[in-house]
Amino acid sequence: KRGDDWKRIQLDDSLKDGHALGTGD
């Protein structure tokens, strides 16, 4: 979140058939 907008950051473009995602510390 940057002001009223959402800035997109691309982390990776090498997945093959990406199918699962999670977050945590």
mmCIF file of all heavy atoms, coordinates in Angstrom:
data_MODEL
# 
_entry.id   MODEL 
# 
loop_
_atom_site.group_PDB 
_atom_site.id 
_atom_site.type_symbol 
_atom_site.label_atom_id 
_atom_site.label_alt_id 
_atom_site.label_comp_id 
_atom_site.label_asym_id 
_atom_site.label_entity_id 
_atom_site.label_seq_id 
_atom_site.pdbx_PDB_ins_code 
_atom_site.Cartn_x 
_atom_site.Cartn_y 
_atom_site.Cartn_z 
_atom_site.occupancy 
_atom_site.B_iso_or_equiv 
_atom_site.pdbx_formal_charge 
_atom_site.auth_seq_id 
_atom_site.auth_comp_id 
_atom_site.auth_asym_id 
_atom_site.auth_atom_id 
_atom_site.pdbx_PDB_model_num 
ATOM 1   N N   . LYS A 1 1  ? 0.847  -1.199  0.000   1.00 0.00 ? 1  LYS A N   1 
ATOM 2   C CA  . LYS A 1 1  ? 0.000  0.000   0.000   1.00 0.00 ? 1  LYS A CA  1 
ATOM 3   C C   . LYS A 1 1  ? 0.882  1.249   0.000   1.00 0.00 ? 1  LYS A C   1 
ATOM 4   O O   . LYS A 1 1  ? 1.718  1.441   0.888   1.00 0.00 ? 1  LYS A O   1 
ATOM 5   C CB  . LYS A 1 1  ? -0.900 -0.004  1.239   1.00 0.00 ? 1  LYS A CB  1 
ATOM 6   C CG  . LYS A 1 1  ? -1.995 1.062   1.197   1.00 0.00 ? 1  LYS A CG  1 
ATOM 7   C CD  . LYS A 1 1  ? -3.026 0.746   0.134   1.00 0.00 ? 1  LYS A CD  1 
ATOM 8   C CE  . LYS A 1 1  ? -4.144 1.786   0.058   1.00 0.00 ? 1  LYS A CE  1 
ATOM 9   N NZ  . LYS A 1 1  ? -4.945 1.842   1.293   1.00 0.00 ? 1  LYS A NZ  1 
ATOM 10  N N   . ARG A 1 2  ? 0.707  2.064   -1.003  1.00 0.00 ? 2  ARG A N   1 
ATOM 11  C CA  . ARG A 1 2  ? 1.429  3.316   -1.137  1.00 0.00 ? 2  ARG A CA  1 
ATOM 12  C C   . ARG A 1 2  ? 0.398  4.414   -1.401  1.00 0.00 ? 2  ARG A C   1 
ATOM 13  O O   . ARG A 1 2  ? -0.072 4.590   -2.525  1.00 0.00 ? 2  ARG A O   1 
ATOM 14  C CB  . ARG A 1 2  ? 2.450  3.249   -2.274  1.00 0.00 ? 2  ARG A CB  1 
ATOM 15  C CG  . ARG A 1 2  ? 3.548  2.205   -2.059  1.00 0.00 ? 2  ARG A CG  1 
ATOM 16  C CD  . ARG A 1 2  ? 4.479  2.613   -0.937  1.00 0.00 ? 2  ARG A CD  1 
ATOM 17  N NE  . ARG A 1 2  ? 5.634  1.732   -0.808  1.00 0.00 ? 2  ARG A NE  1 
ATOM 18  C CZ  . ARG A 1 2  ? 5.742  0.768   0.095   1.00 0.00 ? 2  ARG A CZ  1 
ATOM 19  N NH1 . ARG A 1 2  ? 4.739  0.549   0.945   1.00 0.00 ? 2  ARG A NH1 1 
ATOM 20  N NH2 . ARG A 1 2  ? 6.838  0.034   0.168   1.00 0.00 ? 2  ARG A NH2 1 
ATOM 21  N N   . GLY A 1 3  ? 0.000  5.134   -0.341  1.00 0.00 ? 3  GLY A N   1 
ATOM 22  C CA  . GLY A 1 3  ? -1.064 6.112   -0.477  1.00 0.00 ? 3  GLY A CA  1 
ATOM 23  C C   . GLY A 1 3  ? -2.379 5.417   -0.752  1.00 0.00 ? 3  GLY A C   1 
ATOM 24  O O   . GLY A 1 3  ? -2.784 4.511   -0.021  1.00 0.00 ? 3  GLY A O   1 
ATOM 25  N N   . ASP A 1 4  ? -3.055 5.822   -1.828  1.00 0.00 ? 4  ASP A N   1 
ATOM 26  C CA  . ASP A 1 4  ? -4.325 5.197   -2.200  1.00 0.00 ? 4  ASP A CA  1 
ATOM 27  C C   . ASP A 1 4  ? -4.141 4.025   -3.156  1.00 0.00 ? 4  ASP A C   1 
ATOM 28  O O   . ASP A 1 4  ? -5.128 3.375   -3.527  1.00 0.00 ? 4  ASP A O   1 
ATOM 29  C CB  . ASP A 1 4  ? -5.245 6.250   -2.857  1.00 0.00 ? 4  ASP A CB  1 
ATOM 30  C CG  . ASP A 1 4  ? -5.679 7.342   -1.891  1.00 0.00 ? 4  ASP A CG  1 
ATOM 31  O OD1 . ASP A 1 4  ? -5.758 7.049   -0.680  1.00 0.00 ? 4  ASP A OD1 1 
ATOM 32  O OD2 . ASP A 1 4  ? -5.920 8.474   -2.350  1.00 0.00 ? 4  ASP A OD2 1 
ATOM 33  N N   . ASP A 1 5  ? -2.913 3.767   -3.572  1.00 0.00 ? 5  ASP A N   1 
ATOM 34  C CA  . ASP A 1 5  ? -2.650 2.729   -4.561  1.00 0.00 ? 5  ASP A CA  1 
ATOM 35  C C   . ASP A 1 5  ? -1.881 1.557   -3.945  1.00 0.00 ? 5  ASP A C   1 
ATOM 36  O O   . ASP A 1 5  ? -1.375 1.636   -2.823  1.00 0.00 ? 5  ASP A O   1 
ATOM 37  C CB  . ASP A 1 5  ? -1.848 3.313   -5.734  1.00 0.00 ? 5  ASP A CB  1 
ATOM 38  C CG  . ASP A 1 5  ? -2.595 4.429   -6.434  1.00 0.00 ? 5  ASP A CG  1 
ATOM 39  O OD1 . ASP A 1 5  ? -3.820 4.296   -6.622  1.00 0.00 ? 5  ASP A OD1 1 
ATOM 40  O OD2 . ASP A 1 5  ? -1.955 5.440   -6.783  1.00 0.00 ? 5  ASP A OD2 1 
ATOM 41  N N   . TRP A 1 6  ? -1.805 0.486   -4.724  1.00 0.00 ? 6  TRP A N   1 
ATOM 42  C CA  . TRP A 1 6  ? -1.042 -0.701  -4.334  1.00 0.00 ? 6  TRP A CA  1 
ATOM 43  C C   . TRP A 1 6  ? 0.093  -0.886  -5.338  1.00 0.00 ? 6  TRP A C   1 
ATOM 44  O O   . TRP A 1 6  ? -0.150 -1.067  -6.530  1.00 0.00 ? 6  TRP A O   1 
ATOM 45  C CB  . TRP A 1 6  ? -1.940 -1.929  -4.302  1.00 0.00 ? 6  TRP A CB  1 
ATOM 46  C CG  . TRP A 1 6  ? -2.919 -1.901  -3.162  1.00 0.00 ? 6  TRP A CG  1 
ATOM 47  C CD1 . TRP A 1 6  ? -4.123 -1.270  -3.129  1.00 0.00 ? 6  TRP A CD1 1 
ATOM 48  C CD2 . TRP A 1 6  ? -2.757 -2.526  -1.883  1.00 0.00 ? 6  TRP A CD2 1 
ATOM 49  N NE1 . TRP A 1 6  ? -4.727 -1.456  -1.905  1.00 0.00 ? 6  TRP A NE1 1 
ATOM 50  C CE2 . TRP A 1 6  ? -3.918 -2.227  -1.120  1.00 0.00 ? 6  TRP A CE2 1 
ATOM 51  C CE3 . TRP A 1 6  ? -1.754 -3.310  -1.312  1.00 0.00 ? 6  TRP A CE3 1 
ATOM 52  C CZ2 . TRP A 1 6  ? -4.086 -2.681  0.181   1.00 0.00 ? 6  TRP A CZ2 1 
ATOM 53  C CZ3 . TRP A 1 6  ? -1.920 -3.768  -0.013  1.00 0.00 ? 6  TRP A CZ3 1 
ATOM 54  C CH2 . TRP A 1 6  ? -3.071 -3.450  0.722   1.00 0.00 ? 6  TRP A CH2 1 
ATOM 55  N N   . LYS A 1 7  ? 1.316  -0.801  -4.859  1.00 0.00 ? 7  LYS A N   1 
ATOM 56  C CA  . LYS A 1 7  ? 2.491  -0.942  -5.716  1.00 0.00 ? 7  LYS A CA  1 
ATOM 57  C C   . LYS A 1 7  ? 2.830  -2.417  -5.888  1.00 0.00 ? 7  LYS A C   1 
ATOM 58  O O   . LYS A 1 7  ? 2.960  -3.156  -4.917  1.00 0.00 ? 7  LYS A O   1 
ATOM 59  C CB  . LYS A 1 7  ? 3.683  -0.200  -5.115  1.00 0.00 ? 7  LYS A CB  1 
ATOM 60  C CG  . LYS A 1 7  ? 4.932  -0.248  -5.985  1.00 0.00 ? 7  LYS A CG  1 
ATOM 61  C CD  . LYS A 1 7  ? 6.046  0.601   -5.398  1.00 0.00 ? 7  LYS A CD  1 
ATOM 62  C CE  . LYS A 1 7  ? 7.283  0.594   -6.287  1.00 0.00 ? 7  LYS A CE  1 
ATOM 63  N NZ  . LYS A 1 7  ? 8.354  1.453   -5.758  1.00 0.00 ? 7  LYS A NZ  1 
ATOM 64  N N   . ARG A 1 8  ? 3.008  -2.827  -7.129  1.00 0.00 ? 8  ARG A N   1 
ATOM 65  C CA  . ARG A 1 8  ? 3.307  -4.222  -7.439  1.00 0.00 ? 8  ARG A CA  1 
ATOM 66  C C   . ARG A 1 8  ? 4.812  -4.446  -7.489  1.00 0.00 ? 8  ARG A C   1 
ATOM 67  O O   . ARG A 1 8  ? 5.530  -3.758  -8.211  1.00 0.00 ? 8  ARG A O   1 
ATOM 68  C CB  . ARG A 1 8  ? 2.689  -4.620  -8.769  1.00 0.00 ? 8  ARG A CB  1 
ATOM 69  C CG  . ARG A 1 8  ? 2.890  -6.086  -9.169  1.00 0.00 ? 8  ARG A CG  1 
ATOM 70  C CD  . ARG A 1 8  ? 2.189  -6.345  -10.505 1.00 0.00 ? 8  ARG A CD  1 
ATOM 71  N NE  . ARG A 1 8  ? 2.237  -7.747  -10.897 1.00 0.00 ? 8  ARG A NE  1 
ATOM 72  C CZ  . ARG A 1 8  ? 3.208  -8.291  -11.620 1.00 0.00 ? 8  ARG A CZ  1 
ATOM 73  N NH1 . ARG A 1 8  ? 4.230  -7.527  -12.037 1.00 0.00 ? 8  ARG A NH1 1 
ATOM 74  N NH2 . ARG A 1 8  ? 3.170  -9.577  -11.948 1.00 0.00 ? 8  ARG A NH2 1 
ATOM 75  N N   . ILE A 1 9  ? 5.284  -5.426  -6.714  1.00 0.00 ? 9  ILE A N   1 
ATOM 76  C CA  . ILE A 1 9  ? 6.686  -5.843  -6.726  1.00 0.00 ? 9  ILE A CA  1 
ATOM 77  C C   . ILE A 1 9  ? 6.726  -7.295  -7.202  1.00 0.00 ? 9  ILE A C   1 
ATOM 78  O O   . ILE A 1 9  ? 6.110  -8.171  -6.588  1.00 0.00 ? 9  ILE A O   1 
ATOM 79  C CB  . ILE A 1 9  ? 7.328  -5.746  -5.329  1.00 0.00 ? 9  ILE A CB  1 
ATOM 80  C CG1 . ILE A 1 9  ? 7.119  -4.355  -4.723  1.00 0.00 ? 9  ILE A CG1 1 
ATOM 81  C CG2 . ILE A 1 9  ? 8.804  -6.100  -5.394  1.00 0.00 ? 9  ILE A CG2 1 
ATOM 82  C CD1 . ILE A 1 9  ? 7.784  -3.243  -5.462  1.00 0.00 ? 9  ILE A CD1 1 
ATOM 83  N N   . GLN A 1 10 ? 7.429  -7.563  -8.286  1.00 0.00 ? 10 GLN A N   1 
ATOM 84  C CA  . GLN A 1 10 ? 7.549  -8.937  -8.773  1.00 0.00 ? 10 GLN A CA  1 
ATOM 85  C C   . GLN A 1 10 ? 8.741  -9.607  -8.107  1.00 0.00 ? 10 GLN A C   1 
ATOM 86  O O   . GLN A 1 10 ? 9.867  -9.142  -8.214  1.00 0.00 ? 10 GLN A O   1 
ATOM 87  C CB  . GLN A 1 10 ? 7.702  -8.963  -10.291 1.00 0.00 ? 10 GLN A CB  1 
ATOM 88  C CG  . GLN A 1 10 ? 7.778  -10.369 -10.866 1.00 0.00 ? 10 GLN A CG  1 
ATOM 89  C CD  . GLN A 1 10 ? 7.652  -10.391 -12.373 1.00 0.00 ? 10 GLN A CD  1 
ATOM 90  O OE1 . GLN A 1 10 ? 6.678  -9.885  -12.933 1.00 0.00 ? 10 GLN A OE1 1 
ATOM 91  N NE2 . GLN A 1 10 ? 8.629  -10.983 -13.045 1.00 0.00 ? 10 GLN A NE2 1 
ATOM 92  N N   . LEU A 1 11 ? 8.477  -10.720 -7.426  1.00 0.00 ? 11 LEU A N   1 
ATOM 93  C CA  . LEU A 1 11 ? 9.526  -11.424 -6.694  1.00 0.00 ? 11 LEU A CA  1 
ATOM 94  C C   . LEU A 1 11 ? 10.170 -12.528 -7.512  1.00 0.00 ? 11 LEU A C   1 
ATOM 95  O O   . LEU A 1 11 ? 11.344 -12.847 -7.314  1.00 0.00 ? 11 LEU A O   1 
ATOM 96  C CB  . LEU A 1 11 ? 8.957  -12.036 -5.405  1.00 0.00 ? 11 LEU A CB  1 
ATOM 97  C CG  . LEU A 1 11 ? 8.108  -11.146 -4.493  1.00 0.00 ? 11 LEU A CG  1 
ATOM 98  C CD1 . LEU A 1 11 ? 7.811  -11.877 -3.190  1.00 0.00 ? 11 LEU A CD1 1 
ATOM 99  C CD2 . LEU A 1 11 ? 8.779  -9.821  -4.237  1.00 0.00 ? 11 LEU A CD2 1 
ATOM 100 N N   . ASP A 1 12 ? 9.411  -13.128 -8.425  1.00 0.00 ? 12 ASP A N   1 
ATOM 101 C CA  . ASP A 1 12 ? 9.902  -14.309 -9.136  1.00 0.00 ? 12 ASP A CA  1 
ATOM 102 C C   . ASP A 1 12 ? 9.042  -14.504 -10.373 1.00 0.00 ? 12 ASP A C   1 
ATOM 103 O O   . ASP A 1 12 ? 7.854  -14.169 -10.376 1.00 0.00 ? 12 ASP A O   1 
ATOM 104 C CB  . ASP A 1 12 ? 9.795  -15.534 -8.216  1.00 0.00 ? 12 ASP A CB  1 
ATOM 105 C CG  . ASP A 1 12 ? 10.605 -16.734 -8.700  1.00 0.00 ? 12 ASP A CG  1 
ATOM 106 O OD1 . ASP A 1 12 ? 11.189 -16.667 -9.792  1.00 0.00 ? 12 ASP A OD1 1 
ATOM 107 O OD2 . ASP A 1 12 ? 10.641 -17.751 -7.968  1.00 0.00 ? 12 ASP A OD2 1 
ATOM 108 N N   . ASP A 1 13 ? 9.635  -15.056 -11.440 1.00 0.00 ? 13 ASP A N   1 
ATOM 109 C CA  . ASP A 1 13 ? 8.852  -15.393 -12.633 1.00 0.00 ? 13 ASP A CA  1 
ATOM 110 C C   . ASP A 1 13 ? 9.234  -16.770 -13.170 1.00 0.00 ? 13 ASP A C   1 
ATOM 111 O O   . ASP A 1 13 ? 9.046  -17.058 -14.347 1.00 0.00 ? 13 ASP A O   1 
ATOM 112 C CB  . ASP A 1 13 ? 9.023  -14.340 -13.725 1.00 0.00 ? 13 ASP A CB  1 
ATOM 113 C CG  . ASP A 1 13 ? 10.455 -14.240 -14.252 1.00 0.00 ? 13 ASP A CG  1 
ATOM 114 O OD1 . ASP A 1 13 ? 11.346 -14.945 -13.721 1.00 0.00 ? 13 ASP A OD1 1 
ATOM 115 O OD2 . ASP A 1 13 ? 10.683 -13.461 -15.196 1.00 0.00 ? 13 ASP A OD2 1 
ATOM 116 N N   . SER A 1 14 ? 9.728  -17.631 -12.272 1.00 0.00 ? 14 SER A N   1 
ATOM 117 C CA  . SER A 1 14 ? 10.268 -18.917 -12.717 1.00 0.00 ? 14 SER A CA  1 
ATOM 118 C C   . SER A 1 14 ? 9.461  -20.130 -12.273 1.00 0.00 ? 14 SER A C   1 
ATOM 119 O O   . SER A 1 14 ? 9.863  -21.264 -12.529 1.00 0.00 ? 14 SER A O   1 
ATOM 120 C CB  . SER A 1 14 ? 11.708 -19.066 -12.221 1.00 0.00 ? 14 SER A CB  1 
ATOM 121 O OG  . SER A 1 14 ? 11.748 -19.170 -10.808 1.00 0.00 ? 14 SER A OG  1 
ATOM 122 N N   . LEU A 1 15 ? 8.330  -19.911 -11.603 1.00 0.00 ? 15 LEU A N   1 
ATOM 123 C CA  . LEU A 1 15 ? 7.528  -21.053 -11.166 1.00 0.00 ? 15 LEU A CA  1 
ATOM 124 C C   . LEU A 1 15 ? 6.955  -21.787 -12.373 1.00 0.00 ? 15 LEU A C   1 
ATOM 125 O O   . LEU A 1 15 ? 6.669  -21.176 -13.410 1.00 0.00 ? 15 LEU A O   1 
ATOM 126 C CB  . LEU A 1 15 ? 6.379  -20.600 -10.264 1.00 0.00 ? 15 LEU A CB  1 
ATOM 127 C CG  . LEU A 1 15 ? 6.663  -20.424 -8.767  1.00 0.00 ? 15 LEU A CG  1 
ATOM 128 C CD1 . LEU A 1 15 ? 7.728  -19.382 -8.512  1.00 0.00 ? 15 LEU A CD1 1 
ATOM 129 C CD2 . LEU A 1 15 ? 5.381  -20.073 -8.022  1.00 0.00 ? 15 LEU A CD2 1 
ATOM 130 N N   . LYS A 1 16 ? 6.781  -23.071 -12.227 1.00 0.00 ? 16 LYS A N   1 
ATOM 131 C CA  . LYS A 1 16 ? 6.112  -23.864 -13.250 1.00 0.00 ? 16 LYS A CA  1 
ATOM 132 C C   . LYS A 1 16 ? 4.835  -24.428 -12.637 1.00 0.00 ? 16 LYS A C   1 
ATOM 133 O O   . LYS A 1 16 ? 4.870  -25.323 -11.810 1.00 0.00 ? 16 LYS A O   1 
ATOM 134 C CB  . LYS A 1 16 ? 7.014  -25.005 -13.745 1.00 0.00 ? 16 LYS A CB  1 
ATOM 135 C CG  . LYS A 1 16 ? 8.225  -24.541 -14.545 1.00 0.00 ? 16 LYS A CG  1 
ATOM 136 C CD  . LYS A 1 16 ? 9.022  -25.730 -15.060 1.00 0.00 ? 16 LYS A CD  1 
ATOM 137 C CE  . LYS A 1 16 ? 10.242 -25.279 -15.858 1.00 0.00 ? 16 LYS A CE  1 
ATOM 138 N NZ  . LYS A 1 16 ? 9.859  -24.556 -17.084 1.00 0.00 ? 16 LYS A NZ  1 
ATOM 139 N N   . ASP A 1 17 ? 3.704  -23.835 -13.035 1.00 0.00 ? 17 ASP A N   1 
ATOM 140 C CA  . ASP A 1 17 ? 2.419  -24.315 -12.527 1.00 0.00 ? 17 ASP A CA  1 
ATOM 141 C C   . ASP A 1 17 ? 2.273  -23.982 -11.035 1.00 0.00 ? 17 ASP A C   1 
ATOM 142 O O   . ASP A 1 17 ? 1.981  -24.842 -10.207 1.00 0.00 ? 17 ASP A O   1 
ATOM 143 C CB  . ASP A 1 17 ? 2.297  -25.820 -12.759 1.00 0.00 ? 17 ASP A CB  1 
ATOM 144 C CG  . ASP A 1 17 ? 0.873  -26.330 -12.730 1.00 0.00 ? 17 ASP A CG  1 
ATOM 145 O OD1 . ASP A 1 17 ? -0.060 -25.516 -12.663 1.00 0.00 ? 17 ASP A OD1 1 
ATOM 146 O OD2 . ASP A 1 17 ? 0.700  -27.563 -12.766 1.00 0.00 ? 17 ASP A OD2 1 
ATOM 147 N N   . GLY A 1 18 ? 2.471  -22.700 -10.694 1.00 0.00 ? 18 GLY A N   1 
ATOM 148 C CA  . GLY A 1 18 ? 2.364  -22.267 -9.305  1.00 0.00 ? 18 GLY A CA  1 
ATOM 149 C C   . GLY A 1 18 ? 0.989  -22.525 -8.740  1.00 0.00 ? 18 GLY A C   1 
ATOM 150 O O   . GLY A 1 18 ? -0.027 -22.165 -9.343  1.00 0.00 ? 18 GLY A O   1 
ATOM 151 N N   . HIS A 1 19 ? 0.933  -23.152 -7.545  1.00 0.00 ? 19 HIS A N   1 
ATOM 152 C CA  . HIS A 1 19 ? -0.354 -23.654 -7.070  1.00 0.00 ? 19 HIS A CA  1 
ATOM 153 C C   . HIS A 1 19 ? -0.587 -23.464 -5.581  1.00 0.00 ? 19 HIS A C   1 
ATOM 154 O O   . HIS A 1 19 ? -1.664 -23.823 -5.082  1.00 0.00 ? 19 HIS A O   1 
ATOM 155 C CB  . HIS A 1 19 ? -0.471 -25.149 -7.420  1.00 0.00 ? 19 HIS A CB  1 
ATOM 156 C CG  . HIS A 1 19 ? -1.862 -25.602 -7.695  1.00 0.00 ? 19 HIS A CG  1 
ATOM 157 N ND1 . HIS A 1 19 ? -2.660 -26.203 -6.743  1.00 0.00 ? 19 HIS A ND1 1 
ATOM 158 C CD2 . HIS A 1 19 ? -2.613 -25.529 -8.817  1.00 0.00 ? 19 HIS A CD2 1 
ATOM 159 C CE1 . HIS A 1 19 ? -3.838 -26.500 -7.274  1.00 0.00 ? 19 HIS A CE1 1 
ATOM 160 N NE2 . HIS A 1 19 ? -3.839 -26.101 -8.536  1.00 0.00 ? 19 HIS A NE2 1 
ATOM 161 N N   . ALA A 1 20 ? 0.373  -22.904 -4.834  1.00 0.00 ? 20 ALA A N   1 
ATOM 162 C CA  . ALA A 1 20 ? 0.191  -22.783 -3.383  1.00 0.00 ? 20 ALA A CA  1 
ATOM 163 C C   . ALA A 1 20 ? 1.008  -21.617 -2.856  1.00 0.00 ? 20 ALA A C   1 
ATOM 164 O O   . ALA A 1 20 ? 2.119  -21.350 -3.327  1.00 0.00 ? 20 ALA A O   1 
ATOM 165 C CB  . ALA A 1 20 ? 0.596  -24.078 -2.685  1.00 0.00 ? 20 ALA A CB  1 
ATOM 166 N N   . LEU A 1 21 ? 0.461  -20.967 -1.827  1.00 0.00 ? 21 LEU A N   1 
ATOM 167 C CA  . LEU A 1 21 ? 1.052  -19.737 -1.324  1.00 0.00 ? 21 LEU A CA  1 
ATOM 168 C C   . LEU A 1 21 ? 0.763  -19.629 0.168   1.00 0.00 ? 21 LEU A C   1 
ATOM 169 O O   . LEU A 1 21 ? -0.308 -20.023 0.643   1.00 0.00 ? 21 LEU A O   1 
ATOM 170 C CB  . LEU A 1 21 ? 0.434  -18.554 -2.072  1.00 0.00 ? 21 LEU A CB  1 
ATOM 171 C CG  . LEU A 1 21 ? 1.085  -17.189 -2.024  1.00 0.00 ? 21 LEU A CG  1 
ATOM 172 C CD1 . LEU A 1 21 ? 2.496  -17.231 -2.595  1.00 0.00 ? 21 LEU A CD1 1 
ATOM 173 C CD2 . LEU A 1 21 ? 0.229  -16.190 -2.821  1.00 0.00 ? 21 LEU A CD2 1 
ATOM 174 N N   . GLY A 1 22 ? 1.723  -19.095 0.926   1.00 0.00 ? 22 GLY A N   1 
ATOM 175 C CA  . GLY A 1 22 ? 1.519  -18.879 2.350   1.00 0.00 ? 22 GLY A CA  1 
ATOM 176 C C   . GLY A 1 22 ? 2.409  -17.767 2.855   1.00 0.00 ? 22 GLY A C   1 
ATOM 177 O O   . GLY A 1 22 ? 3.370  -17.358 2.183   1.00 0.00 ? 22 GLY A O   1 
ATOM 178 N N   . THR A 1 23 ? 2.097  -17.263 4.035   1.00 0.00 ? 23 THR A N   1 
ATOM 179 C CA  . THR A 1 23 ? 2.917  -16.245 4.675   1.00 0.00 ? 23 THR A CA  1 
ATOM 180 C C   . THR A 1 23 ? 3.094  -16.592 6.146   1.00 0.00 ? 23 THR A C   1 
ATOM 181 O O   . THR A 1 23 ? 2.282  -17.283 6.742   1.00 0.00 ? 23 THR A O   1 
ATOM 182 C CB  . THR A 1 23 ? 2.277  -14.839 4.571   1.00 0.00 ? 23 THR A CB  1 
ATOM 183 O OG1 . THR A 1 23 ? 1.001  -14.859 5.220   1.00 0.00 ? 23 THR A OG1 1 
ATOM 184 C CG2 . THR A 1 23 ? 2.113  -14.406 3.132   1.00 0.00 ? 23 THR A CG2 1 
ATOM 185 N N   . GLY A 1 24 ? 4.173  -16.088 6.734   1.00 0.00 ? 24 GLY A N   1 
ATOM 186 C CA  . GLY A 1 24 ? 4.436  -16.288 8.151   1.00 0.00 ? 24 GLY A CA  1 
ATOM 187 C C   . GLY A 1 24 ? 5.797  -15.729 8.496   1.00 0.00 ? 24 GLY A C   1 
ATOM 188 O O   . GLY A 1 24 ? 6.647  -15.519 7.616   1.00 0.00 ? 24 GLY A O   1 
ATOM 189 N N   . ASP A 1 25 ? 6.011  -15.496 9.780   1.00 0.00 ? 25 ASP A N   1 
ATOM 190 C CA  . ASP A 1 25 ? 7.319  -15.019 10.231  1.00 0.00 ? 25 ASP A CA  1 
ATOM 191 C C   . ASP A 1 25 ? 8.185  -16.230 10.557  1.00 0.00 ? 25 ASP A C   1 
ATOM 192 O O   . ASP A 1 25 ? 8.381  -16.587 11.715  1.00 0.00 ? 25 ASP A O   1 
ATOM 193 C CB  . ASP A 1 25 ? 7.158  -14.105 11.441  1.00 0.00 ? 25 ASP A CB  1 
ATOM 194 C CG  . ASP A 1 25 ? 8.465  -13.425 11.829  1.00 0.00 ? 25 ASP A CG  1 
ATOM 195 O OD1 . ASP A 1 25 ? 9.482  -13.636 11.128  1.00 0.00 ? 25 ASP A OD1 1 
ATOM 196 O OD2 . ASP A 1 25 ? 8.476  -12.692 12.842  1.00 0.00 ? 25 ASP A OD2 1 
# 
